[in-house]
Amino acid sequence: MNSAKIVNNDSKTVFREKGTCSHTFAYLLNREFGNNKAPEERATDPMAGGLMQKGHQCGMLWGASLAVGAEAYKRSQNKDEAIRLAITATQKLLESFSKRTNTINCRDITHTNMDSFFGLTKYMIKTMLQGMNNSTCFNLAENWFPEAIQSAKEGLSQEPIASKQKSISCATEVAKKMGATDEEMTMVAGFAGGLGLSGNACGALSTAIWMNSLKWIKENPDKSAFKNKNAKATLKVFNTETNAELLCHKICRQKFKTIEEHTKFIKNGGCSKLIATLAKT
């Protein structure tokens, strides 16, 4: 994909201000579409470092997906259409990101195990020596920003595909059980099937962490979501339920090729126990 030109690419400045890749891209895309979602953006902080610093999908993707979900809600006539649009737009984001990096995983990009104190310390020292503006993540943010905007617009501009089947997202089901609004349910819809049906780290888990963080942020407006202990508690419950397996395609024992396949899986009770367990965290 050829980079779209953005006259004022302030992604590095925003990154420095927001502090995490996930927060940065949730904000940048929301700003592009004229959506003011400050608490929702701040609640994405735990998705940085590849989801709770586990090295899976880059936080830029989680944040961007949340933003296209918000825009899908605004553009759609009903929830089914919004869910489909959010997933489709997320798939476009994944496609453009993969073309730039040849991967979607944080650990592959940074070559760092951020889940270990040694790994994270080593990465921070390297970043300081390079200068933050010249770091791997800051450079990636600047390069992918125009492409993210372009791919998000392409995904959101697609005509809705008619389907006789109701569209269901595992992420939306978790959010619903946790008392989410229709808009919040649509915002996380793209997390389905390991983010855009990619089969990677679980979208239901990410949703539960985000919902808990959003609640915590609203109760603690002056604090970072990193201080929310409920996020770690949610991950602990999840690990107990899945024997510490985070990848969607391994948990579900399949990778979903279409929204219809994913919908059928959830409708037939797939991951029902996991969804119910996460919703209680």
C-alpha atoms as a PDB file:
ATOM      1  CA  MET A   1       0.000   0.000   0.000  1.00  0.00           C
ATOM      2  CA  ASN A   2       1.294   3.414  -0.908  1.00  0.00           C
ATOM      3  CA  SER A   3       1.375   5.798   2.006  1.00  0.00           C
ATOM      4  CA  ALA A   4      -1.305   8.454   1.967  1.00  0.00           C
ATOM      5  CA  LYS A   5       0.123  11.897   2.487  1.00  0.00           C
ATOM      6  CA  ILE A   6      -0.630  13.600   5.768  1.00  0.00           C
ATOM      7  CA  VAL A   7       0.502  17.204   5.878  1.00  0.00           C
ATOM      8  CA  ASN A   8       0.933  17.223   9.649  1.00  0.00           C
ATOM      9  CA  ASN A   9       2.117  13.799  10.751  1.00  0.00           C
ATOM     10  CA  ASP A  10       2.278  14.431  14.471  1.00  0.00           C
ATOM     11  CA  SER A  11       2.194  10.759  15.461  1.00  0.00           C
ATOM     12  CA  LYS A  12       5.492  10.924  17.344  1.00  0.00           C
ATOM     13  CA  THR A  13       4.366  13.959  19.320  1.00  0.00           C
ATOM     14  CA  VAL A  14       1.086  12.234  20.166  1.00  0.00           C
ATOM     15  CA  PHE A  15       2.929   9.032  21.093  1.00  0.00           C
ATOM     16  CA  ARG A  16       5.126  10.928  23.520  1.00  0.00           C
ATOM     17  CA  GLU A  17       2.068  12.625  25.032  1.00  0.00           C
ATOM     18  CA  LYS A  18      -0.163   9.535  25.309  1.00  0.00           C
ATOM     19  CA  GLY A  19       2.590   7.173  26.438  1.00  0.00           C
ATOM     20  CA  THR A  20       1.507   3.910  24.780  1.00  0.00           C
ATOM     21  CA  CYS A  21       1.110   2.695  21.210  1.00  0.00           C
ATOM     22  CA  SER A  22      -2.470   1.540  21.820  1.00  0.00           C
ATOM     23  CA  HIS A  23      -3.586   4.846  23.332  1.00  0.00           C
ATOM     24  CA  THR A  24      -1.819   6.747  20.550  1.00  0.00           C
ATOM     25  CA  PHE A  25      -3.600   5.018  17.681  1.00  0.00           C
ATOM     26  CA  ALA A  26      -6.988   4.964  19.339  1.00  0.00           C
ATOM     27  CA  TYR A  27      -6.625   8.732  19.688  1.00  0.00           C
ATOM     28  CA  LEU A  28      -5.195   9.374  16.198  1.00  0.00           C
ATOM     29  CA  LEU A  29      -7.968   7.509  14.381  1.00  0.00           C
ATOM     30  CA  ASN A  30     -10.715   8.870  16.612  1.00  0.00           C
ATOM     31  CA  ARG A  31      -9.405  12.357  15.904  1.00  0.00           C
ATOM     32  CA  GLU A  32      -9.439  11.661  12.170  1.00  0.00           C
ATOM     33  CA  PHE A  33     -13.104  10.714  12.315  1.00  0.00           C
ATOM     34  CA  GLY A  34     -14.081  13.472  14.734  1.00  0.00           C
ATOM     35  CA  ASN A  35     -14.841  11.150  17.642  1.00  0.00           C
ATOM     36  CA  ASN A  36     -13.986  12.349  21.145  1.00  0.00           C
ATOM     37  CA  LYS A  37     -13.342   9.216  23.233  1.00  0.00           C
ATOM     38  CA  ALA A  38     -10.745  10.160  25.846  1.00  0.00           C
ATOM     39  CA  PRO A  39     -11.699   7.619  28.594  1.00  0.00           C
ATOM     40  CA  GLU A  40     -12.087   4.834  26.042  1.00  0.00           C
ATOM     41  CA  GLU A  41      -8.679   5.648  24.578  1.00  0.00           C
ATOM     42  CA  ARG A  42      -6.983   5.710  27.978  1.00  0.00           C
ATOM     43  CA  ALA A  43      -8.486   2.304  28.777  1.00  0.00           C
ATOM     44  CA  THR A  44      -6.426   0.790  25.924  1.00  0.00           C
ATOM     45  CA  ASP A  45      -3.130   1.239  27.810  1.00  0.00           C
ATOM     46  CA  PRO A  46      -3.026  -2.412  29.023  1.00  0.00           C
ATOM     47  CA  MET A  47      -3.069  -3.542  25.381  1.00  0.00           C
ATOM     48  CA  ALA A  48       0.369  -2.028  24.816  1.00  0.00           C
ATOM     49  CA  GLY A  49       3.311  -4.368  24.451  1.00  0.00           C
ATOM     50  CA  GLY A  50       1.189  -6.893  22.608  1.00  0.00           C
ATOM     51  CA  LEU A  51      -1.587  -7.194  25.184  1.00  0.00           C
ATOM     52  CA  MET A  52      -0.445  -6.907  28.784  1.00  0.00           C
ATOM     53  CA  GLN A  53       3.158  -6.880  27.485  1.00  0.00           C
ATOM     54  CA  LYS A  54       2.831 -10.489  26.303  1.00  0.00           C
ATOM     55  CA  GLY A  55       4.242  -9.686  22.856  1.00  0.00           C
ATOM     56  CA  HIS A  56       1.171 -10.516  20.768  1.00  0.00           C
ATOM     57  CA  GLN A  57      -0.653  -8.101  18.419  1.00  0.00           C
ATOM     58  CA  CYS A  58       0.910  -4.646  18.463  1.00  0.00           C
ATOM     59  CA  GLY A  59      -1.003  -2.171  20.602  1.00  0.00           C
ATOM     60  CA  MET A  60      -1.303   0.142  17.593  1.00  0.00           C
ATOM     61  CA  LEU A  61      -3.681  -2.428  16.091  1.00  0.00           C
ATOM     62  CA  TRP A  62      -5.813  -2.827  19.217  1.00  0.00           C
ATOM     63  CA  GLY A  63      -6.173   0.950  19.537  1.00  0.00           C
ATOM     64  CA  ALA A  64      -6.908   1.448  15.843  1.00  0.00           C
ATOM     65  CA  SER A  65      -9.486  -1.352  15.865  1.00  0.00           C
ATOM     66  CA  LEU A  66     -11.307   0.246  18.777  1.00  0.00           C
ATOM     67  CA  ALA A  67     -11.459   3.541  16.883  1.00  0.00           C
ATOM     68  CA  VAL A  68     -12.833   2.020  13.670  1.00  0.00           C
ATOM     69  CA  GLY A  69     -15.394   0.242  15.821  1.00  0.00           C
ATOM     70  CA  ALA A  70     -16.558   3.606  17.139  1.00  0.00           C
ATOM     71  CA  GLU A  71     -16.831   4.943  13.602  1.00  0.00           C
ATOM     72  CA  ALA A  72     -18.634   1.792  12.411  1.00  0.00           C
ATOM     73  CA  TYR A  73     -21.253   2.363  15.096  1.00  0.00           C
ATOM     74  CA  LYS A  74     -21.774   5.932  13.912  1.00  0.00           C
ATOM     75  CA  ARG A  75     -22.103   4.971  10.239  1.00  0.00           C
ATOM     76  CA  SER A  76     -24.309   1.893  10.532  1.00  0.00           C
ATOM     77  CA  GLN A  77     -28.069   1.492  10.524  1.00  0.00           C
ATOM     78  CA  ASN A  78     -28.132  -1.394  12.993  1.00  0.00           C
ATOM     79  CA  LYS A  79     -25.888  -3.435  15.292  1.00  0.00           C
ATOM     80  CA  ASP A  80     -25.456  -6.348  12.847  1.00  0.00           C
ATOM     81  CA  GLU A  81     -24.204  -4.022  10.143  1.00  0.00           C
ATOM     82  CA  ALA A  82     -21.942  -2.208  12.623  1.00  0.00           C
ATOM     83  CA  ILE A  83     -20.345  -5.447  13.841  1.00  0.00           C
ATOM     84  CA  ARG A  84     -19.605  -6.569  10.284  1.00  0.00           C
ATOM     85  CA  LEU A  85     -18.192  -3.178   9.372  1.00  0.00           C
ATOM     86  CA  ALA A  86     -15.960  -3.053  12.468  1.00  0.00           C
ATOM     87  CA  ILE A  87     -14.521  -6.498  11.724  1.00  0.00           C
ATOM     88  CA  THR A  88     -14.003  -5.688   8.033  1.00  0.00           C
ATOM     89  CA  ALA A  89     -12.257  -2.398   8.817  1.00  0.00           C
ATOM     90  CA  THR A  90     -10.049  -4.152  11.386  1.00  0.00           C
ATOM     91  CA  GLN A  91      -9.048  -6.686   8.748  1.00  0.00           C
ATOM     92  CA  LYS A  92      -7.995  -3.815   6.479  1.00  0.00           C
ATOM     93  CA  LEU A  93      -5.871  -2.389   9.297  1.00  0.00           C
ATOM     94  CA  LEU A  94      -4.199  -5.763   9.836  1.00  0.00           C
ATOM     95  CA  GLU A  95      -3.496  -6.069   6.124  1.00  0.00           C
ATOM     96  CA  SER A  96      -1.779  -2.689   5.859  1.00  0.00           C
ATOM     97  CA  PHE A  97       0.163  -3.189   9.097  1.00  0.00           C
ATOM     98  CA  SER A  98       1.396  -6.607   7.967  1.00  0.00           C
ATOM     99  CA  LYS A  99       2.565  -5.176   4.646  1.00  0.00           C
ATOM    100  CA  ARG A 100       4.702  -2.646   6.487  1.00  0.00           C
ATOM    101  CA  THR A 101       6.124  -4.917   9.200  1.00  0.00           C
ATOM    102  CA  ASN A 102       5.713  -8.491   7.864  1.00  0.00           C
ATOM    103  CA  THR A 103       4.189  -9.349  11.225  1.00  0.00           C
ATOM    104  CA  ILE A 104       1.518  -8.087  13.609  1.00  0.00           C
ATOM    105  CA  ASN A 105       3.233  -9.139  16.824  1.00  0.00           C
ATOM    106  CA  CYS A 106       4.978  -6.747  19.184  1.00  0.00           C
ATOM    107  CA  ARG A 107       7.736  -9.170  20.110  1.00  0.00           C
ATOM    108  CA  ASP A 108       8.687  -9.712  16.452  1.00  0.00           C
ATOM    109  CA  ILE A 109       8.845  -5.949  15.878  1.00  0.00           C
ATOM    110  CA  THR A 110      10.750  -4.972  19.011  1.00  0.00           C
ATOM    111  CA  HIS A 111      12.761  -8.190  19.432  1.00  0.00           C
ATOM    112  CA  THR A 112      12.023  -7.793  23.110  1.00  0.00           C
ATOM    113  CA  ASN A 113      10.309  -9.842  25.785  1.00  0.00           C
ATOM    114  CA  MET A 114       8.528  -6.993  27.546  1.00  0.00           C
ATOM    115  CA  ASP A 115       6.963  -9.425  29.972  1.00  0.00           C
ATOM    116  CA  SER A 116      10.301  -9.809  31.739  1.00  0.00           C
ATOM    117  CA  PHE A 117      11.934  -7.118  33.859  1.00  0.00           C
ATOM    118  CA  PHE A 118      15.285  -7.708  32.130  1.00  0.00           C
ATOM    119  CA  GLY A 119      13.783  -7.534  28.652  1.00  0.00           C
ATOM    120  CA  LEU A 120      11.811  -4.376  29.336  1.00  0.00           C
ATOM    121  CA  THR A 121      14.788  -2.695  31.017  1.00  0.00           C
ATOM    122  CA  LYS A 122      17.048  -3.587  28.092  1.00  0.00           C
ATOM    123  CA  TYR A 123      14.514  -2.147  25.639  1.00  0.00           C
ATOM    124  CA  MET A 124      14.149   1.089  27.613  1.00  0.00           C
ATOM    125  CA  ILE A 125      17.932   1.558  27.762  1.00  0.00           C
ATOM    126  CA  LYS A 126      18.190   0.944  24.012  1.00  0.00           C
ATOM    127  CA  THR A 127      15.392   3.451  23.402  1.00  0.00           C
ATOM    128  CA  MET A 128      17.084   6.094  25.528  1.00  0.00           C
ATOM    129  CA  LEU A 129      20.387   5.602  23.712  1.00  0.00           C
ATOM    130  CA  GLN A 130      18.701   5.877  20.305  1.00  0.00           C
ATOM    131  CA  GLY A 131      16.549   8.772  21.407  1.00  0.00           C
ATOM    132  CA  MET A 132      12.830   8.149  21.744  1.00  0.00           C
ATOM    133  CA  ASN A 133      12.035   9.834  18.410  1.00  0.00           C
ATOM    134  CA  ASN A 134      14.377   7.401  16.646  1.00  0.00           C
ATOM    135  CA  SER A 135      13.129   4.290  18.407  1.00  0.00           C
ATOM    136  CA  THR A 136      11.579   1.341  16.572  1.00  0.00           C
ATOM    137  CA  CYS A 137       8.076   1.996  17.872  1.00  0.00           C
ATOM    138  CA  PHE A 138       8.101   5.751  17.254  1.00  0.00           C
ATOM    139  CA  ASN A 139       9.378   5.269  13.699  1.00  0.00           C
ATOM    140  CA  LEU A 140       6.759   2.620  13.034  1.00  0.00           C
ATOM    141  CA  ALA A 141       4.027   4.904  14.364  1.00  0.00           C
ATOM    142  CA  GLU A 142       5.115   7.697  12.033  1.00  0.00           C
ATOM    143  CA  ASN A 143       5.350   5.406   9.008  1.00  0.00           C
ATOM    144  CA  TRP A 144       2.124   3.495   9.567  1.00  0.00           C
ATOM    145  CA  PHE A 145      -0.039   6.432  10.642  1.00  0.00           C
ATOM    146  CA  PRO A 146      -0.991   7.580   7.107  1.00  0.00           C
ATOM    147  CA  GLU A 147      -1.462   3.979   6.011  1.00  0.00           C
ATOM    148  CA  ALA A 148      -3.660   3.278   9.023  1.00  0.00           C
ATOM    149  CA  ILE A 149      -5.895   6.220   8.143  1.00  0.00           C
ATOM    150  CA  GLN A 150      -6.095   5.112   4.531  1.00  0.00           C
ATOM    151  CA  SER A 151      -6.870   1.467   5.325  1.00  0.00           C
ATOM    152  CA  ALA A 152      -9.422   2.426   7.992  1.00  0.00           C
ATOM    153  CA  LYS A 153     -11.261   4.626   5.503  1.00  0.00           C
ATOM    154  CA  GLU A 154     -11.168   1.874   2.886  1.00  0.00           C
ATOM    155  CA  GLY A 155     -12.562  -0.679   5.312  1.00  0.00           C
ATOM    156  CA  LEU A 156     -15.276   1.632   6.595  1.00  0.00           C
ATOM    157  CA  SER A 157     -16.361   2.687   3.110  1.00  0.00           C
ATOM    158  CA  GLN A 158     -17.192  -0.825   1.969  1.00  0.00           C
ATOM    159  CA  GLU A 159     -20.825  -1.564   1.233  1.00  0.00           C
ATOM    160  CA  PRO A 160     -22.334  -3.871   3.866  1.00  0.00           C
ATOM    161  CA  ILE A 161     -22.608  -7.471   2.648  1.00  0.00           C
ATOM    162  CA  ALA A 162     -26.123  -8.796   2.992  1.00  0.00           C
ATOM    163  CA  SER A 163     -26.370 -11.841   5.236  1.00  0.00           C
ATOM    164  CA  LYS A 164     -29.335 -13.882   6.383  1.00  0.00           C
ATOM    165  CA  GLN A 165     -27.393 -14.705   9.534  1.00  0.00           C
ATOM    166  CA  LYS A 166     -27.068 -12.391  12.502  1.00  0.00           C
ATOM    167  CA  SER A 167     -23.487 -11.147  12.930  1.00  0.00           C
ATOM    168  CA  ILE A 168     -21.934 -12.070  16.270  1.00  0.00           C
ATOM    169  CA  SER A 169     -18.544 -11.134  17.709  1.00  0.00           C
ATOM    170  CA  CYS A 170     -17.119 -12.967  20.729  1.00  0.00           C
ATOM    171  CA  ALA A 171     -15.811  -9.605  21.915  1.00  0.00           C
ATOM    172  CA  THR A 172     -19.223  -7.992  21.634  1.00  0.00           C
ATOM    173  CA  GLU A 173     -20.769 -10.864  23.610  1.00  0.00           C
ATOM    174  CA  VAL A 174     -18.305 -10.336  26.472  1.00  0.00           C
ATOM    175  CA  ALA A 175     -18.934  -6.587  26.460  1.00  0.00           C
ATOM    176  CA  LYS A 176     -22.700  -7.138  26.445  1.00  0.00           C
ATOM    177  CA  LYS A 177     -22.515  -9.418  29.487  1.00  0.00           C
ATOM    178  CA  MET A 178     -20.384  -6.789  31.244  1.00  0.00           C
ATOM    179  CA  GLY A 179     -23.058  -4.124  30.793  1.00  0.00           C
ATOM    180  CA  ALA A 180     -21.624  -2.287  27.793  1.00  0.00           C
ATOM    181  CA  THR A 181     -23.611   0.218  25.764  1.00  0.00           C
ATOM    182  CA  ASP A 182     -24.421  -0.595  22.125  1.00  0.00           C
ATOM    183  CA  GLU A 183     -21.614   1.740  21.084  1.00  0.00           C
ATOM    184  CA  GLU A 184     -19.067   0.067  23.369  1.00  0.00           C
ATOM    185  CA  MET A 185     -20.143  -3.349  22.073  1.00  0.00           C
ATOM    186  CA  THR A 186     -19.477  -2.163  18.522  1.00  0.00           C
ATOM    187  CA  MET A 187     -16.165  -0.549  19.447  1.00  0.00           C
ATOM    188  CA  VAL A 188     -14.735  -3.941  20.456  1.00  0.00           C
ATOM    189  CA  ALA A 189     -16.427  -5.921  17.663  1.00  0.00           C
ATOM    190  CA  GLY A 190     -13.256  -5.942  15.555  1.00  0.00           C
ATOM    191  CA  PHE A 191     -11.429  -7.840  18.319  1.00  0.00           C
ATOM    192  CA  ALA A 192     -13.361 -10.956  17.189  1.00  0.00           C
ATOM    193  CA  GLY A 193     -11.468 -14.155  16.479  1.00  0.00           C
ATOM    194  CA  GLY A 194      -8.162 -12.910  17.796  1.00  0.00           C
ATOM    195  CA  LEU A 195      -8.478  -9.433  16.203  1.00  0.00           C
ATOM    196  CA  GLY A 196     -10.044  -9.259  12.762  1.00  0.00           C
ATOM    197  CA  LEU A 197     -10.452 -13.072  12.721  1.00  0.00           C
ATOM    198  CA  SER A 198      -6.653 -13.407  12.520  1.00  0.00           C
ATOM    199  CA  GLY A 199      -6.566 -16.202  15.101  1.00  0.00           C
ATOM    200  CA  ASN A 200      -4.071 -14.455  17.343  1.00  0.00           C
ATOM    201  CA  ALA A 201      -4.352 -13.371  21.003  1.00  0.00           C
ATOM    202  CA  CYS A 202      -7.917 -13.694  22.266  1.00  0.00           C
ATOM    203  CA  GLY A 203     -10.287 -10.809  21.517  1.00  0.00           C
ATOM    204  CA  ALA A 204     -12.642 -11.824  24.315  1.00  0.00           C
ATOM    205  CA  LEU A 205      -9.790 -11.449  26.805  1.00  0.00           C
ATOM    206  CA  SER A 206      -8.848  -8.038  25.389  1.00  0.00           C
ATOM    207  CA  THR A 207     -12.454  -6.934  25.681  1.00  0.00           C
ATOM    208  CA  ALA A 208     -12.729  -7.945  29.332  1.00  0.00           C
ATOM    209  CA  ILE A 209      -9.474  -6.125  30.118  1.00  0.00           C
ATOM    210  CA  TRP A 210     -10.656  -3.027  28.231  1.00  0.00           C
ATOM    211  CA  MET A 211     -14.088  -3.009  29.872  1.00  0.00           C
ATOM    212  CA  ASN A 212     -12.562  -3.345  33.334  1.00  0.00           C
ATOM    213  CA  SER A 213     -10.023  -0.640  32.541  1.00  0.00           C
ATOM    214  CA  LEU A 214     -12.720   1.698  31.207  1.00  0.00           C
ATOM    215  CA  LYS A 215     -14.714   1.326  34.410  1.00  0.00           C
ATOM    216  CA  TRP A 216     -11.578   1.902  36.472  1.00  0.00           C
ATOM    217  CA  ILE A 217     -10.601   4.979  34.433  1.00  0.00           C
ATOM    218  CA  LYS A 218     -14.014   6.537  34.987  1.00  0.00           C
ATOM    219  CA  GLU A 219     -13.652   5.952  38.734  1.00  0.00           C
ATOM    220  CA  ASN A 220     -10.018   7.150  38.749  1.00  0.00           C
ATOM    221  CA  PRO A 221      -9.837   9.887  36.078  1.00  0.00           C
ATOM    222  CA  ASP A 222      -6.392  11.110  37.127  1.00  0.00           C
ATOM    223  CA  LYS A 223      -4.664   7.718  37.087  1.00  0.00           C
ATOM    224  CA  SER A 224      -3.205   5.469  34.393  1.00  0.00           C
ATOM    225  CA  ALA A 225      -4.985   2.231  33.478  1.00  0.00           C
ATOM    226  CA  PHE A 226      -1.654   0.514  34.103  1.00  0.00           C
ATOM    227  CA  LYS A 227      -2.423   0.865  37.805  1.00  0.00           C
ATOM    228  CA  ASN A 228      -5.646  -1.106  37.426  1.00  0.00           C
ATOM    229  CA  LYS A 229      -4.998  -4.387  39.221  1.00  0.00           C
ATOM    230  CA  ASN A 230      -8.187  -5.864  37.780  1.00  0.00           C
ATOM    231  CA  ALA A 231      -6.473  -6.234  34.404  1.00  0.00           C
ATOM    232  CA  LYS A 232      -3.925  -8.665  35.840  1.00  0.00           C
ATOM    233  CA  ALA A 233      -6.685 -10.444  37.740  1.00  0.00           C
ATOM    234  CA  THR A 234      -8.623 -10.874  34.493  1.00  0.00           C
ATOM    235  CA  LEU A 235      -5.565 -12.343  32.782  1.00  0.00           C
ATOM    236  CA  LYS A 236      -5.057 -14.737  35.695  1.00  0.00           C
ATOM    237  CA  VAL A 237      -8.650 -15.993  35.453  1.00  0.00           C
ATOM    238  CA  PHE A 238      -8.265 -16.371  31.690  1.00  0.00           C
ATOM    239  CA  ASN A 239      -5.034 -18.362  32.040  1.00  0.00           C
ATOM    240  CA  THR A 240      -6.709 -20.720  34.495  1.00  0.00           C
ATOM    241  CA  GLU A 241      -9.578 -21.281  32.068  1.00  0.00           C
ATOM    242  CA  THR A 242      -7.381 -21.845  28.974  1.00  0.00           C
ATOM    243  CA  ASN A 243      -4.312 -23.397  30.592  1.00  0.00           C
ATOM    244  CA  ALA A 244      -2.418 -20.185  29.745  1.00  0.00           C
ATOM    245  CA  GLU A 245      -3.152 -20.449  26.009  1.00  0.00           C
ATOM    246  CA  LEU A 246      -3.778 -16.967  24.570  1.00  0.00           C
ATOM    247  CA  LEU A 247      -4.099 -17.711  20.848  1.00  0.00           C
ATOM    248  CA  CYS A 248      -7.639 -17.790  19.499  1.00  0.00           C
ATOM    249  CA  HIS A 249      -7.023 -20.431  16.835  1.00  0.00           C
ATOM    250  CA  LYS A 250      -5.608 -22.819  19.438  1.00  0.00           C
ATOM    251  CA  ILE A 251      -8.365 -22.179  21.979  1.00  0.00           C
ATOM    252  CA  CYS A 252     -11.086 -22.603  19.337  1.00  0.00           C
ATOM    253  CA  ARG A 253      -9.152 -25.269  17.412  1.00  0.00           C
ATOM    254  CA  GLN A 254      -9.898 -23.465  14.183  1.00  0.00           C
ATOM    255  CA  LYS A 255      -9.202 -20.224  12.368  1.00  0.00           C
ATOM    256  CA  PHE A 256     -12.255 -18.400  11.093  1.00  0.00           C
ATOM    257  CA  LYS A 257     -12.232 -17.552   7.394  1.00  0.00           C
ATOM    258  CA  THR A 258     -15.404 -15.484   7.439  1.00  0.00           C
ATOM    259  CA  ILE A 259     -17.641 -13.548   9.802  1.00  0.00           C
ATOM    260  CA  GLU A 260     -20.293 -16.203   9.142  1.00  0.00           C
ATOM    261  CA  GLU A 261     -17.989 -18.972  10.383  1.00  0.00           C
ATOM    262  CA  HIS A 262     -17.218 -17.039  13.540  1.00  0.00           C
ATOM    263  CA  THR A 263     -20.887 -16.218  14.096  1.00  0.00           C
ATOM    264  CA  LYS A 264     -21.888 -19.863  13.702  1.00  0.00           C
ATOM    265  CA  PHE A 265     -19.181 -20.949  16.163  1.00  0.00           C
ATOM    266  CA  ILE A 266     -20.348 -18.516  18.855  1.00  0.00           C
ATOM    267  CA  LYS A 267     -24.029 -19.189  18.145  1.00  0.00           C
ATOM    268  CA  ASN A 268     -23.449 -22.929  18.625  1.00  0.00           C
ATOM    269  CA  GLY A 269     -21.907 -22.375  22.046  1.00  0.00           C
ATOM    270  CA  GLY A 270     -18.259 -21.988  21.118  1.00  0.00           C
ATOM    271  CA  CYS A 271     -16.263 -20.311  23.914  1.00  0.00           C
ATOM    272  CA  SER A 272     -19.498 -19.819  25.882  1.00  0.00           C
ATOM    273  CA  LYS A 273     -17.915 -20.836  29.180  1.00  0.00           C
ATOM    274  CA  LEU A 274     -14.867 -18.630  28.571  1.00  0.00           C
ATOM    275  CA  ILE A 275     -17.062 -15.663  27.617  1.00  0.00           C
ATOM    276  CA  ALA A 276     -19.200 -16.097  30.738  1.00  0.00           C
ATOM    277  CA  THR A 277     -16.120 -16.438  32.950  1.00  0.00           C
ATOM    278  CA  LEU A 278     -14.443 -13.327  31.523  1.00  0.00           C
ATOM    279  CA  ALA A 279     -17.652 -11.315  31.874  1.00  0.00           C
ATOM    280  CA  LYS A 280     -17.606 -11.943  35.624  1.00  0.00           C
ATOM    281  CA  THR A 281     -14.107 -10.518  36.129  1.00  0.00           C
END
